């Protein structure tokens, strides 16, 4: 199984969630909303390149829009290999967290 960093896993999950709207800025905003921290463009772009190189996602050029000055967005899509890896990571995480007690950390 291909090993992913936590950031790479989070990016793949964001792409899965965003579906046809998974482009760099949308991925960055989605993660910032969930994680509560603003990542730089480079902090998202570099893992995207690696994930594409190892075959867990691919990209295509979307429609150009007037809003973007005629430029098109690069849309990312999780591949079958990416789905398999995410499924395995989910299985592993659930097994590791299964016996973690339900502590109330608020107090």
N, C-alpha and C. Protein backbone atom coordinates (compact mmCIF):
# COMPACT_ATOMS: atom_id res chain seq x y z
N UNK A 1 0.84 -1.19 0.00
CA UNK A 1 0.00 0.00 0.00
C UNK A 1 0.88 1.24 0.00
N UNK A 2 0.49 2.21 -0.79
CA UNK A 2 1.17 3.50 -0.85
C UNK A 2 0.96 4.22 0.47
N UNK A 3 2.01 4.84 0.99
CA UNK A 3 1.92 5.59 2.25
C UNK A 3 1.65 7.05 1.94
N UNK A 4 0.69 7.60 2.66
CA UNK A 4 0.34 9.01 2.51
C UNK A 4 0.62 9.76 3.80
N UNK A 5 0.97 11.02 3.67
CA UNK A 5 1.07 11.86 4.86
C UNK A 5 -0.35 12.24 5.29
N UNK A 6 -0.48 12.75 6.49
CA UNK A 6 -1.80 13.17 6.96
C UNK A 6 -2.35 14.28 6.05
N UNK A 7 -1.50 15.18 5.63
CA UNK A 7 -1.91 16.28 4.74
C UNK A 7 -2.42 15.73 3.41
N UNK A 8 -1.71 14.74 2.86
CA UNK A 8 -2.13 14.13 1.60
C UNK A 8 -3.48 13.43 1.75
N UNK A 9 -3.66 12.74 2.86
CA UNK A 9 -4.94 12.09 3.13
C UNK A 9 -6.06 13.12 3.21
N UNK A 10 -5.81 14.22 3.92
CA UNK A 10 -6.81 15.27 4.05
C UNK A 10 -7.14 15.90 2.70
N UNK A 11 -6.14 16.10 1.87
CA UNK A 11 -6.38 16.66 0.54
C UNK A 11 -7.21 15.71 -0.31
N UNK A 12 -6.90 14.42 -0.28
CA UNK A 12 -7.69 13.44 -1.03
C UNK A 12 -9.14 13.44 -0.56
N UNK A 13 -9.34 13.48 0.74
CA UNK A 13 -10.70 13.50 1.28
C UNK A 13 -11.45 14.77 0.88
N UNK A 14 -10.73 15.90 0.84
CA UNK A 14 -11.34 17.16 0.41
C UNK A 14 -11.76 17.06 -1.06
N UNK A 15 -10.91 16.49 -1.89
CA UNK A 15 -11.23 16.32 -3.32
C UNK A 15 -12.46 15.45 -3.47
N UNK A 16 -12.52 14.38 -2.71
CA UNK A 16 -13.68 13.50 -2.75
C UNK A 16 -14.94 14.27 -2.37
N UNK A 17 -14.86 15.09 -1.34
CA UNK A 17 -16.02 15.86 -0.86
C UNK A 17 -16.47 16.92 -1.87
N UNK A 18 -15.50 17.56 -2.51
CA UNK A 18 -15.81 18.67 -3.43
C UNK A 18 -16.31 18.20 -4.79
N UNK A 19 -16.05 16.96 -5.13
CA UNK A 19 -16.46 16.38 -6.41
C UNK A 19 -16.01 17.22 -7.60
N UNK A 20 -16.93 17.69 -8.44
CA UNK A 20 -16.57 18.42 -9.66
C UNK A 20 -16.05 19.83 -9.39
N UNK A 21 -16.03 20.25 -8.15
CA UNK A 21 -15.56 21.59 -7.79
C UNK A 21 -14.20 21.52 -7.08
N UNK A 22 -13.47 20.43 -7.29
CA UNK A 22 -12.19 20.21 -6.58
C UNK A 22 -11.03 20.82 -7.36
N UNK A 23 -10.87 22.13 -7.23
CA UNK A 23 -9.73 22.83 -7.80
C UNK A 23 -8.94 23.44 -6.65
N UNK A 24 -7.73 23.88 -6.93
CA UNK A 24 -6.77 24.29 -5.89
C UNK A 24 -7.37 25.21 -4.83
N UNK A 25 -7.95 26.31 -5.23
CA UNK A 25 -8.46 27.29 -4.26
C UNK A 25 -9.63 26.71 -3.46
N UNK A 26 -10.51 25.95 -4.11
CA UNK A 26 -11.65 25.35 -3.41
C UNK A 26 -11.16 24.31 -2.39
N UNK A 27 -10.15 23.54 -2.76
CA UNK A 27 -9.57 22.55 -1.83
C UNK A 27 -9.01 23.26 -0.61
N UNK A 28 -8.24 24.32 -0.86
CA UNK A 28 -7.63 25.11 0.21
C UNK A 28 -8.70 25.68 1.15
N UNK A 29 -9.77 26.25 0.60
CA UNK A 29 -10.85 26.83 1.41
C UNK A 29 -11.60 25.75 2.18
N UNK A 30 -11.85 24.62 1.54
CA UNK A 30 -12.55 23.51 2.20
C UNK A 30 -11.77 23.04 3.43
N UNK A 31 -10.48 22.85 3.25
CA UNK A 31 -9.65 22.39 4.36
C UNK A 31 -9.56 23.44 5.47
N UNK A 32 -9.46 24.71 5.09
CA UNK A 32 -9.40 25.78 6.09
C UNK A 32 -10.67 25.80 6.93
N UNK A 33 -11.81 25.59 6.27
CA UNK A 33 -13.08 25.59 6.99
C UNK A 33 -13.20 24.45 7.98
N UNK A 34 -12.67 23.31 7.63
CA UNK A 34 -12.77 22.14 8.50
C UNK A 34 -11.67 22.14 9.57
N UNK A 35 -10.44 22.43 9.16
CA UNK A 35 -9.30 22.33 10.07
C UNK A 35 -9.07 23.58 10.91
N UNK A 36 -9.68 24.69 10.49
CA UNK A 36 -9.53 25.92 11.25
C UNK A 36 -8.18 26.58 11.09
N UNK A 37 -7.46 26.26 10.00
CA UNK A 37 -6.20 26.95 9.73
C UNK A 37 -6.08 27.15 8.24
N UNK A 38 -5.49 28.26 7.88
CA UNK A 38 -5.37 28.63 6.48
C UNK A 38 -4.05 28.13 5.92
N UNK A 39 -4.11 27.23 4.97
CA UNK A 39 -2.91 26.71 4.32
C UNK A 39 -2.52 27.63 3.18
N UNK A 40 -1.23 27.70 2.89
CA UNK A 40 -0.77 28.44 1.73
C UNK A 40 -1.11 27.64 0.48
N UNK A 41 -1.08 28.30 -0.66
CA UNK A 41 -1.33 27.62 -1.93
C UNK A 41 -0.29 26.52 -2.13
N UNK A 42 0.96 26.81 -1.80
CA UNK A 42 2.03 25.82 -1.95
C UNK A 42 1.84 24.59 -1.07
N UNK A 43 1.26 24.80 0.11
CA UNK A 43 1.03 23.68 1.03
C UNK A 43 -0.01 22.71 0.48
N UNK A 44 -0.82 23.16 -0.46
CA UNK A 44 -1.80 22.29 -1.11
C UNK A 44 -1.27 21.83 -2.47
N UNK A 45 -0.64 22.73 -3.19
CA UNK A 45 -0.20 22.42 -4.55
C UNK A 45 0.88 21.34 -4.59
N UNK A 46 1.85 21.40 -3.70
CA UNK A 46 2.93 20.41 -3.72
C UNK A 46 2.40 18.99 -3.48
N UNK A 47 1.56 18.76 -2.46
CA UNK A 47 0.99 17.42 -2.29
C UNK A 47 0.11 17.00 -3.47
N UNK A 48 -0.61 17.95 -4.08
CA UNK A 48 -1.42 17.60 -5.25
C UNK A 48 -0.54 17.02 -6.36
N UNK A 49 0.60 17.65 -6.59
CA UNK A 49 1.53 17.14 -7.63
C UNK A 49 2.00 15.74 -7.30
N UNK A 50 2.37 15.50 -6.03
CA UNK A 50 2.85 14.18 -5.63
C UNK A 50 1.73 13.14 -5.77
N UNK A 51 0.54 13.49 -5.31
CA UNK A 51 -0.59 12.56 -5.39
C UNK A 51 -0.92 12.20 -6.84
N UNK A 52 -0.77 13.16 -7.71
CA UNK A 52 -1.00 12.89 -9.13
C UNK A 52 0.11 11.99 -9.69
N UNK A 53 1.34 12.24 -9.27
CA UNK A 53 2.48 11.43 -9.74
C UNK A 53 2.36 9.97 -9.30
N UNK A 54 1.85 9.72 -8.11
CA UNK A 54 1.75 8.33 -7.64
C UNK A 54 0.44 7.67 -8.08
N UNK A 55 -0.40 8.42 -8.78
CA UNK A 55 -1.58 7.83 -9.39
C UNK A 55 -2.81 7.72 -8.53
N UNK A 56 -2.89 8.49 -7.44
CA UNK A 56 -4.09 8.42 -6.59
C UNK A 56 -5.10 9.51 -6.95
N UNK A 57 -4.70 10.40 -7.82
CA UNK A 57 -5.63 11.36 -8.38
C UNK A 57 -5.17 11.74 -9.77
N UNK A 58 -6.08 12.27 -10.56
CA UNK A 58 -5.73 12.82 -11.85
C UNK A 58 -6.45 14.15 -11.98
N UNK A 59 -6.05 14.91 -12.98
CA UNK A 59 -6.64 16.23 -13.16
C UNK A 59 -7.05 16.42 -14.61
N UNK A 60 -7.94 17.36 -14.80
CA UNK A 60 -8.34 17.77 -16.15
C UNK A 60 -8.62 19.26 -16.10
N UNK A 61 -8.62 19.87 -17.25
CA UNK A 61 -8.87 21.30 -17.35
C UNK A 61 -10.36 21.53 -17.53
N UNK A 62 -10.93 22.30 -16.63
CA UNK A 62 -12.36 22.62 -16.70
C UNK A 62 -12.62 23.72 -17.71
N UNK A 63 -13.84 24.18 -17.72
CA UNK A 63 -14.26 25.26 -18.62
C UNK A 63 -13.60 26.58 -18.21
N UNK A 64 -13.25 27.38 -19.20
CA UNK A 64 -12.75 28.72 -18.89
C UNK A 64 -13.95 29.61 -18.58
N UNK A 65 -13.75 30.55 -17.67
CA UNK A 65 -14.85 31.41 -17.25
C UNK A 65 -14.44 32.87 -17.33
N UNK A 66 -15.40 33.73 -17.58
CA UNK A 66 -15.14 35.17 -17.62
C UNK A 66 -14.70 35.67 -16.24
N UNK A 67 -15.25 35.05 -15.21
CA UNK A 67 -14.91 35.44 -13.83
C UNK A 67 -13.42 35.29 -13.57
N UNK A 68 -12.79 34.31 -14.22
CA UNK A 68 -11.36 34.06 -14.04
C UNK A 68 -10.54 34.66 -15.18
N UNK A 69 -11.11 35.62 -15.88
CA UNK A 69 -10.39 36.26 -16.98
C UNK A 69 -10.14 35.32 -18.15
N UNK A 70 -11.04 34.38 -18.35
CA UNK A 70 -10.91 33.43 -19.46
C UNK A 70 -10.05 32.22 -19.14
N UNK A 71 -9.49 32.18 -17.94
CA UNK A 71 -8.66 31.04 -17.56
C UNK A 71 -9.52 29.88 -17.06
N UNK A 72 -9.05 28.69 -17.31
CA UNK A 72 -9.76 27.49 -16.87
C UNK A 72 -9.19 26.99 -15.54
N UNK A 73 -10.01 26.28 -14.81
CA UNK A 73 -9.58 25.67 -13.55
C UNK A 73 -9.04 24.27 -13.83
N UNK A 74 -8.05 23.88 -13.03
CA UNK A 74 -7.56 22.51 -13.07
C UNK A 74 -8.33 21.74 -12.00
N UNK A 75 -9.15 20.79 -12.44
CA UNK A 75 -10.01 20.03 -11.54
C UNK A 75 -9.34 18.70 -11.21
N UNK A 76 -9.38 18.32 -9.94
CA UNK A 76 -8.76 17.07 -9.48
C UNK A 76 -9.83 16.04 -9.17
N UNK A 77 -9.51 14.78 -9.47
CA UNK A 77 -10.42 13.66 -9.27
C UNK A 77 -9.65 12.51 -8.63
N UNK A 78 -10.23 11.89 -7.61
CA UNK A 78 -9.62 10.72 -6.95
C UNK A 78 -9.76 9.52 -7.89
N UNK A 79 -8.67 8.79 -8.09
CA UNK A 79 -8.68 7.59 -8.94
C UNK A 79 -9.11 6.36 -8.15
N UNK A 80 -9.28 5.24 -8.84
CA UNK A 80 -9.62 3.99 -8.15
C UNK A 80 -8.55 3.63 -7.14
N UNK A 81 -7.29 3.83 -7.50
CA UNK A 81 -6.19 3.57 -6.57
C UNK A 81 -6.34 4.46 -5.34
N UNK A 82 -6.70 5.71 -5.54
CA UNK A 82 -6.92 6.64 -4.43
C UNK A 82 -8.04 6.19 -3.53
N UNK A 83 -9.15 5.72 -4.12
CA UNK A 83 -10.27 5.21 -3.32
C UNK A 83 -9.83 4.00 -2.49
N UNK A 84 -9.06 3.11 -3.11
CA UNK A 84 -8.59 1.92 -2.37
C UNK A 84 -7.73 2.33 -1.18
N UNK A 85 -6.83 3.27 -1.40
CA UNK A 85 -5.95 3.72 -0.32
C UNK A 85 -6.74 4.42 0.78
N UNK A 86 -7.67 5.29 0.40
CA UNK A 86 -8.50 5.95 1.41
C UNK A 86 -9.32 4.95 2.21
N UNK A 87 -9.86 3.95 1.53
CA UNK A 87 -10.64 2.92 2.22
C UNK A 87 -9.78 2.16 3.22
N UNK A 88 -8.55 1.86 2.83
CA UNK A 88 -7.63 1.16 3.73
C UNK A 88 -7.26 2.05 4.92
N UNK A 89 -6.99 3.33 4.67
CA UNK A 89 -6.68 4.25 5.77
C UNK A 89 -7.87 4.35 6.73
N UNK A 90 -9.08 4.40 6.19
CA UNK A 90 -10.28 4.47 7.05
C UNK A 90 -10.38 3.21 7.90
N UNK A 91 -10.17 2.05 7.30
CA UNK A 91 -10.24 0.78 8.04
C UNK A 91 -9.21 0.76 9.16
N UNK A 92 -7.99 1.18 8.85
CA UNK A 92 -6.91 1.19 9.84
C UNK A 92 -7.23 2.16 10.97
N UNK A 93 -7.67 3.37 10.63
CA UNK A 93 -7.99 4.37 11.66
C UNK A 93 -9.14 3.92 12.55
N UNK A 94 -10.16 3.32 11.96
CA UNK A 94 -11.27 2.83 12.77
C UNK A 94 -10.82 1.73 13.73
N UNK A 95 -9.95 0.84 13.26
CA UNK A 95 -9.44 -0.23 14.12
C UNK A 95 -8.58 0.35 15.25
N UNK A 96 -7.77 1.34 14.94
CA UNK A 96 -6.91 1.94 15.96
C UNK A 96 -7.71 2.74 16.99
N UNK A 97 -8.78 3.40 16.55
CA UNK A 97 -9.59 4.22 17.44
C UNK A 97 -10.69 3.44 18.15
N UNK A 98 -10.91 2.19 17.77
CA UNK A 98 -12.05 1.41 18.26
C UNK A 98 -12.13 1.33 19.78
N UNK A 99 -11.02 1.22 20.44
CA UNK A 99 -11.04 1.04 21.90
C UNK A 99 -10.67 2.29 22.67
N UNK A 100 -10.60 3.41 21.97
CA UNK A 100 -10.29 4.67 22.65
C UNK A 100 -11.49 5.07 23.49
N UNK A 101 -11.25 5.31 24.78
CA UNK A 101 -12.38 5.64 25.65
C UNK A 101 -12.99 6.99 25.30
N UNK A 102 -14.25 7.13 25.58
CA UNK A 102 -14.97 8.37 25.29
C UNK A 102 -14.78 9.40 26.37
N UNK A 103 -13.57 9.84 26.58
CA UNK A 103 -13.29 10.85 27.61
C UNK A 103 -13.94 12.18 27.28
N UNK A 104 -14.31 12.88 28.31
CA UNK A 104 -14.79 14.26 28.16
C UNK A 104 -13.59 15.16 28.43
N UNK A 105 -13.01 15.70 27.37
CA UNK A 105 -11.81 16.52 27.50
C UNK A 105 -12.11 17.97 27.82
N UNK A 106 -13.36 18.32 27.98
CA UNK A 106 -13.72 19.72 28.18
C UNK A 106 -13.41 20.22 29.59
N UNK A 107 -13.24 19.34 30.52
CA UNK A 107 -13.06 19.80 31.89
C UNK A 107 -11.89 19.26 32.49
